[in-house]
Amino acid sequence: MKIGNLEIEGYAALAPMAGVADRAMREICRSFGAAYTVGELTSSKGVSLGDKKSKAYLSCFEAEKPMASQLFGTEPETMATAAVLAEGQNPDFIDINMGCPAPKVAGNGGGSALMRTPKLAGEIVAAVVKATTLPVTVKMRTGWDSETINAPELAKICEAAGAAAITIHGRTRKQMYAPGIDYKTIAAVKKAVKIPVIANGDINSAVAAKDMYELTGADFVMVGRAAMGNPFIFAEINEYFNNGTVLQPPTTKERLDVMLKQIKLMLEYKDPHNAIMESRKHTAWYLKGMRGAAKLRALCGEISSFADIEAIYEKALENSCDL
């Protein structure tokens, strides 16, 4: 697949997930075969006003590339300014978020709320395309709710404004993350535009990735929540598509070793206190499905140091039968 002139190799990308898919997770997922990554949701207003936290979200490093910087906002001029600043951090492309369902984003007219204002959405895309030399992509949902499914129409507007690719999450904003993926609307988006379409939603295995490709005709797929504590899914997908075989799941020790590696990277890249607090959820995700997981995950809420994580690591190994 090509995004503009950028050649993307592989079969599945890591979805942007605010507060989850940070630099450490992106690097780990790339090491297991994620085709590309997308940075955390970044406020164009924050970036344009010089907010340090927003600017930090735009940082792009070699180990997570190919990578997109992801921006949200409601003002074409501000989005264009932010895109120029983002380009200075050397991402491979710029992604405009029109899919975030969070009230603090959509409630202010950004994210998925832009699906209700398609004219403004098109103006934002056009402004960003004009401001940057990088390819510009758009991530959207199927619509605001089941009565206003308009992704195919919005995708055409974004294509006309210069977007290089469309990513579509197969749910409405009202659905949030409730079960059920609208494959028909993703397929309709694919038929509506000539640029690549990346499909997202409930891809939790190589077989699910295959189904998404076949049911929608999408050019690529994107994995989100299934990668939390499970970067191995990208190796699984790549092996399945390259060789038709299903990889054996990693052993408990292999999973735990990667968990420690990711948390060490978090400690290296972030304020140590913040990294430890955020490690609680990542540790819990890695423990999912292990023997004694319920008790181990209960301990995650009490993590206050790396030593606590190492203690959980040792307890999980003691419980395991598949070292």
Protein backbone atom coordinates (compact mmCIF):
# COMPACT_ATOMS: atom_id res chain seq x y z
CA MET A 1 0.00 0.00 0.00
CA LYS A 2 1.12 3.53 -0.72
CA ILE A 3 0.21 6.60 1.32
CA GLY A 4 1.17 9.32 -1.09
CA ASN A 5 4.69 8.36 -2.12
CA LEU A 6 5.28 6.44 1.12
CA GLU A 7 5.46 2.67 0.60
CA ILE A 8 3.97 0.71 3.50
CA GLU A 9 5.08 -2.90 3.86
CA GLY A 10 3.23 -5.53 5.87
CA TYR A 11 -0.39 -6.19 6.66
CA ALA A 12 -1.46 -4.37 9.82
CA ALA A 13 -0.73 -1.04 11.50
CA LEU A 14 -0.97 -0.02 15.15
CA ALA A 15 -3.96 2.24 15.77
CA PRO A 16 -3.58 5.48 17.69
CA MET A 17 -4.87 5.14 21.24
CA ALA A 18 -4.77 8.17 23.50
CA GLY A 19 -3.08 7.42 26.81
CA VAL A 20 -2.12 3.93 25.63
CA ALA A 21 -0.11 3.79 22.40
CA ASP A 22 2.81 5.88 23.64
CA ARG A 23 6.36 5.85 22.28
CA ALA A 24 7.31 2.70 24.22
CA MET A 25 4.30 0.74 22.97
CA ARG A 26 4.77 1.97 19.42
CA GLU A 27 8.40 0.85 19.39
CA ILE A 28 7.55 -2.55 20.84
CA CYS A 29 4.76 -3.10 18.30
CA ARG A 30 7.04 -2.06 15.44
CA SER A 31 9.61 -4.61 16.65
CA PHE A 32 6.94 -7.32 16.31
CA GLY A 33 5.99 -6.29 12.80
CA ALA A 34 3.45 -3.46 12.99
CA ALA A 35 3.60 -1.90 9.52
CA TYR A 36 3.40 1.64 10.83
CA THR A 37 2.34 3.52 13.94
CA VAL A 38 0.32 6.65 14.69
CA GLY A 39 1.13 9.07 17.47
CA GLU A 40 -1.21 9.94 20.29
CA LEU A 41 -4.08 12.34 19.76
CA THR A 42 -2.64 15.86 19.80
CA SER A 43 -4.52 19.13 20.11
CA SER A 44 -3.79 21.48 17.22
CA LYS A 45 -4.65 24.41 19.48
CA GLY A 46 -2.23 23.18 22.14
CA VAL A 47 0.55 22.76 19.60
CA SER A 48 -0.03 26.17 18.02
CA LEU A 49 0.03 27.83 21.46
CA GLY A 50 3.34 26.18 22.35
CA ASP A 51 2.04 23.73 24.95
CA LYS A 52 4.97 21.48 25.91
CA LYS A 53 2.89 18.35 26.47
CA SER A 54 1.21 18.69 23.08
CA LYS A 55 4.56 19.24 21.37
CA ALA A 56 5.99 16.16 23.10
CA TYR A 57 3.20 14.04 21.58
CA LEU A 58 4.53 14.97 18.13
CA SER A 59 8.04 13.63 18.76
CA CYS A 60 8.98 10.97 16.23
CA PHE A 61 11.86 8.52 16.58
CA GLU A 62 13.41 6.03 14.16
CA ALA A 63 12.33 2.90 16.05
CA GLU A 64 8.62 3.78 15.65
CA LYS A 65 8.76 4.74 11.97
CA PRO A 66 6.97 4.75 9.60
CA MET A 67 4.89 6.96 11.85
CA ALA A 68 2.15 9.53 11.55
CA SER A 69 1.58 12.51 13.80
CA GLN A 70 -2.10 12.70 14.69
CA LEU A 71 -3.87 16.05 15.09
CA PHE A 72 -7.37 17.08 16.08
CA GLY A 73 -9.09 20.42 16.03
CA THR A 74 -11.91 22.47 14.57
CA GLU A 75 -10.14 25.43 12.97
CA PRO A 76 -8.54 24.98 9.52
CA GLU A 77 -5.92 27.69 10.13
CA THR A 78 -4.92 26.29 13.52
CA MET A 79 -4.76 22.76 12.12
CA ALA A 80 -2.53 24.02 9.30
CA THR A 81 -0.19 25.74 11.79
CA ALA A 82 0.00 22.58 13.89
CA ALA A 83 0.72 20.47 10.79
CA VAL A 84 3.72 22.65 9.96
CA LEU A 85 5.04 22.27 13.51
CA ALA A 86 4.38 18.53 13.38
CA GLU A 87 6.28 18.20 10.12
CA GLY A 88 9.30 19.66 11.89
CA GLN A 89 9.40 16.55 14.10
CA ASN A 90 9.98 14.38 11.00
CA PRO A 91 6.94 12.08 10.89
CA ASP A 92 6.20 10.21 7.67
CA PHE A 93 2.69 11.59 7.31
CA ILE A 94 0.03 13.63 9.13
CA ASP A 95 -3.21 12.02 10.31
CA ILE A 96 -6.31 14.11 10.99
CA ASN A 97 -8.60 12.65 13.63
CA MET A 98 -12.30 12.69 12.80
CA GLY A 99 -13.10 9.57 14.81
CA CYS A 100 -12.37 10.16 18.49
CA PRO A 101 -15.63 9.67 20.44
CA ALA A 102 -14.37 11.10 23.76
CA PRO A 103 -16.68 13.83 25.12
CA LYS A 104 -13.79 16.22 25.78
CA VAL A 105 -12.90 16.06 22.06
CA ALA A 106 -16.20 15.42 20.26
CA GLY A 107 -18.07 17.62 22.73
CA ASN A 108 -16.05 20.59 21.50
CA GLY A 109 -16.65 19.88 17.82
CA GLY A 110 -13.47 17.90 17.16
CA GLY A 111 -12.84 14.22 16.51
CA SER A 112 -15.97 12.34 15.48
CA ALA A 113 -18.08 15.51 15.75
CA LEU A 114 -16.51 16.65 12.46
CA MET A 115 -18.60 13.96 10.77
CA ARG A 116 -21.58 16.21 11.53
CA THR A 117 -19.94 19.17 9.77
CA PRO A 118 -18.59 17.69 6.51
CA LYS A 119 -17.97 21.09 4.89
CA LEU A 120 -15.74 22.13 7.78
CA ALA A 121 -14.07 18.71 7.71
CA GLY A 122 -13.17 19.21 4.06
CA GLU A 123 -11.84 22.70 4.75
CA ILE A 124 -9.60 21.32 7.50
CA VAL A 125 -8.18 18.64 5.22
CA ALA A 126 -7.56 21.16 2.45
CA ALA A 127 -5.79 23.55 4.84
CA VAL A 128 -3.52 20.85 6.23
CA VAL A 129 -2.71 19.47 2.77
CA LYS A 130 -1.76 22.96 1.61
CA ALA A 131 0.40 23.61 4.68
CA THR A 132 2.57 20.49 4.63
CA THR A 133 4.69 18.59 2.13
CA LEU A 134 3.78 15.29 3.82
CA PRO A 135 0.91 12.97 2.89
CA VAL A 136 -2.25 13.68 4.88
CA THR A 137 -4.62 10.94 6.00
CA VAL A 138 -7.97 11.05 7.80
CA LYS A 139 -9.32 8.69 10.45
CA MET A 140 -13.11 8.60 10.82
CA ARG A 141 -16.01 6.44 12.01
CA THR A 142 -19.00 5.23 10.03
CA GLY A 143 -21.06 8.18 11.23
CA TRP A 144 -22.30 9.99 14.32
CA ASP A 145 -25.07 7.47 14.95
CA SER A 146 -27.01 4.79 13.06
CA GLU A 147 -29.33 7.43 11.54
CA THR A 148 -26.44 9.47 10.12
CA ILE A 149 -24.08 7.00 8.45
CA ASN A 150 -22.10 9.30 6.15
CA ALA A 151 -18.56 7.91 6.00
CA PRO A 152 -18.66 7.26 2.22
CA GLU A 153 -19.72 10.84 1.52
CA LEU A 154 -17.20 12.30 3.97
CA ALA A 155 -14.46 10.12 2.53
CA LYS A 156 -15.15 11.57 -0.92
CA ILE A 157 -14.99 15.10 0.48
CA CYS A 158 -11.65 14.34 2.14
CA GLU A 159 -10.30 12.77 -1.05
CA ALA A 160 -11.32 15.84 -3.06
CA ALA A 161 -9.56 18.03 -0.47
CA GLY A 162 -6.31 16.13 -1.00
CA ALA A 163 -6.29 13.30 1.56
CA ALA A 164 -3.90 10.49 0.64
CA ALA A 165 -5.74 7.72 2.53
CA ILE A 166 -8.78 7.13 4.73
CA THR A 167 -8.87 5.03 7.89
CA ILE A 168 -12.33 3.99 9.01
CA HIS A 169 -13.31 2.52 12.36
CA GLY A 170 -16.39 0.41 11.72
CA ARG A 171 -18.54 1.92 14.47
CA THR A 172 -20.55 5.09 14.95
CA ARG A 173 -19.63 7.66 17.55
CA LYS A 174 -22.71 6.67 19.56
CA GLN A 175 -21.50 3.05 19.66
CA MET A 176 -18.18 4.11 21.19
CA TYR A 177 -16.54 0.64 21.47
CA ALA A 178 -19.67 -1.48 21.83
CA PRO A 179 -19.66 -4.84 19.99
CA GLY A 180 -20.51 -4.98 16.34
CA ILE A 181 -18.54 -3.83 13.30
CA ASP A 182 -20.22 -2.31 10.24
CA TYR A 183 -18.33 -4.06 7.45
CA LYS A 184 -20.79 -2.86 4.80
CA THR A 185 -20.05 0.80 5.41
CA ILE A 186 -16.30 0.19 5.33
CA ALA A 187 -16.82 -1.58 1.98
CA ALA A 188 -18.90 1.37 0.79
CA VAL A 189 -16.07 3.75 1.66
CA LYS A 190 -13.67 1.59 -0.32
CA LYS A 191 -15.98 1.79 -3.35
CA ALA A 192 -16.49 5.53 -2.93
CA VAL A 193 -12.85 6.62 -3.20
CA LYS A 194 -9.74 5.83 -5.22
CA ILE A 195 -7.24 6.46 -2.41
CA PRO A 196 -6.29 3.62 -0.01
CA VAL A 197 -8.75 2.65 2.72
CA ILE A 198 -7.53 1.24 6.03
CA ALA A 199 -10.09 -0.72 8.06
CA ASN A 200 -10.15 -0.69 11.86
CA GLY A 201 -12.28 -2.40 14.49
CA ASP A 202 -12.24 -5.67 16.47
CA ILE A 203 -9.20 -7.14 14.70
CA ASN A 204 -7.95 -9.43 17.46
CA SER A 205 -6.34 -12.24 15.46
CA ALA A 206 -4.86 -13.10 12.07
CA VAL A 207 -8.17 -14.68 11.05
CA ALA A 208 -10.05 -11.52 12.04
CA ALA A 209 -7.61 -9.49 9.93
CA LYS A 210 -8.23 -11.83 6.98
CA ASP A 211 -12.00 -11.48 7.43
CA MET A 212 -11.73 -7.69 7.50
CA TYR A 213 -9.79 -7.66 4.23
CA GLU A 214 -12.22 -10.04 2.55
CA LEU A 215 -15.46 -8.50 3.85
CA THR A 216 -14.53 -4.89 3.06
CA GLY A 217 -12.00 -4.98 0.22
CA ALA A 218 -9.84 -2.63 2.32
CA ASP A 219 -6.27 -1.94 1.27
CA PHE A 220 -4.93 -2.36 4.80
CA VAL A 221 -6.05 -3.01 8.37
CA MET A 222 -5.31 -1.42 11.72
CA VAL A 223 -5.16 -3.10 15.13
CA GLY A 224 -6.11 -1.18 18.26
CA ARG A 225 -7.18 -2.60 21.61
CA ALA A 226 -6.09 -6.15 20.73
CA ALA A 227 -2.47 -4.93 20.79
CA MET A 228 -2.69 -3.81 24.42
CA GLY A 229 -0.38 -6.19 26.26
CA ASN A 230 -0.20 -8.19 23.05
CA PRO A 231 2.27 -6.78 20.50
CA PHE A 232 2.68 -10.38 19.33
CA ILE A 233 -0.50 -10.01 17.27
CA PHE A 234 1.47 -8.27 14.52
CA ALA A 235 3.89 -11.18 14.17
CA GLU A 236 0.86 -13.51 14.13
CA ILE A 237 -0.81 -11.55 11.33
CA ASN A 238 2.37 -11.29 9.27
CA GLU A 239 3.10 -15.01 9.58
CA TYR A 240 -0.45 -15.92 8.60
CA PHE A 241 -0.46 -13.73 5.51
CA ASN A 242 3.10 -14.57 4.45
CA ASN A 243 3.06 -18.31 5.04
CA GLY A 244 -0.51 -19.35 5.83
CA THR A 245 0.45 -20.67 9.25
CA VAL A 246 -0.69 -19.69 12.73
CA LEU A 247 2.09 -18.91 15.16
CA GLN A 248 2.11 -20.60 18.52
CA PRO A 249 1.29 -18.07 21.24
CA PRO A 250 4.28 -16.78 23.22
CA THR A 251 5.14 -18.52 26.46
CA THR A 252 4.39 -16.86 29.76
CA LYS A 253 8.05 -15.94 30.15
CA GLU A 254 8.23 -14.47 26.66
CA ARG A 255 5.20 -12.31 27.36
CA LEU A 256 6.52 -11.19 30.71
CA ASP A 257 9.95 -10.39 29.30
CA VAL A 258 8.38 -8.13 26.67
CA MET A 259 6.25 -6.53 29.39
CA LEU A 260 9.37 -5.63 31.38
CA LYS A 261 11.06 -4.31 28.25
CA GLN A 262 8.12 -2.04 27.45
CA ILE A 263 7.92 -0.69 30.99
CA LYS A 264 11.67 -0.03 31.06
CA LEU A 265 11.24 2.01 27.89
CA MET A 266 8.38 3.92 29.51
CA LEU A 267 10.65 4.74 32.45
CA GLU A 268 13.35 5.90 30.05
CA TYR A 269 11.05 8.11 27.98
CA LYS A 270 8.74 9.60 30.62
CA ASP A 271 8.70 11.16 34.03
CA PRO A 272 9.37 8.10 36.26
CA HIS A 273 6.35 8.66 38.49
CA ASN A 274 3.99 9.01 35.53
CA ALA A 275 5.55 5.96 33.87
CA ILE A 276 4.98 3.82 36.95
CA MET A 277 1.38 4.96 37.29
CA GLU A 278 0.74 4.20 33.60
CA SER A 279 2.53 0.86 33.89
CA ARG A 280 -0.31 -0.41 36.09
CA LYS A 281 -2.68 -0.81 33.15
CA HIS A 282 -0.01 -2.12 30.76
CA THR A 283 1.08 -4.75 33.29
CA ALA A 284 -2.54 -5.83 33.77
CA TRP A 285 -3.00 -6.18 30.01
CA TYR A 286 0.06 -8.41 29.67
CA LEU A 287 -1.20 -10.65 32.48
CA LYS A 288 -4.55 -11.28 30.82
CA GLY A 289 -5.22 -14.98 30.38
CA MET A 290 -2.34 -16.20 32.53
CA ARG A 291 -2.82 -18.65 35.38
CA GLY A 292 -3.83 -16.74 38.49
CA ALA A 293 -4.34 -13.60 36.42
CA ALA A 294 -7.20 -12.26 38.54
CA LYS A 295 -5.07 -12.11 41.70
CA LEU A 296 -2.05 -10.81 39.82
CA ARG A 297 -4.05 -8.08 38.13
CA ALA A 298 -5.45 -7.02 41.49
CA LEU A 299 -1.86 -6.28 42.51
CA CYS A 300 -1.40 -3.98 39.53
CA GLY A 301 -3.48 -1.26 41.15
CA GLU A 302 -0.91 -1.10 43.96
CA ILE A 303 2.19 -0.76 41.77
CA SER A 304 4.34 2.13 43.00
CA SER A 305 7.82 1.08 41.85
CA PHE A 306 9.57 -1.05 39.26
CA ALA A 307 10.34 -3.51 42.06
CA ASP A 308 6.59 -4.09 42.42
CA ILE A 309 6.40 -4.99 38.74
CA GLU A 310 9.33 -7.36 39.11
CA ALA A 311 7.57 -9.04 42.03
CA ILE A 312 4.46 -9.55 39.88
CA TYR A 313 6.72 -10.93 37.13
CA GLU A 314 8.13 -13.52 39.55
CA LYS A 315 4.69 -14.51 40.87
CA ALA A 316 3.41 -14.98 37.30
CA LEU A 317 6.37 -17.22 36.48
CA GLU A 318 5.76 -19.30 39.59
CA ASN A 319 2.15 -19.84 38.49
CA SER A 320 3.08 -20.80 34.94
CA CYS A 321 3.26 -24.27 33.44
CA ASP A 322 4.62 -23.27 30.03
CA LEU A 323 8.05 -21.76 30.64
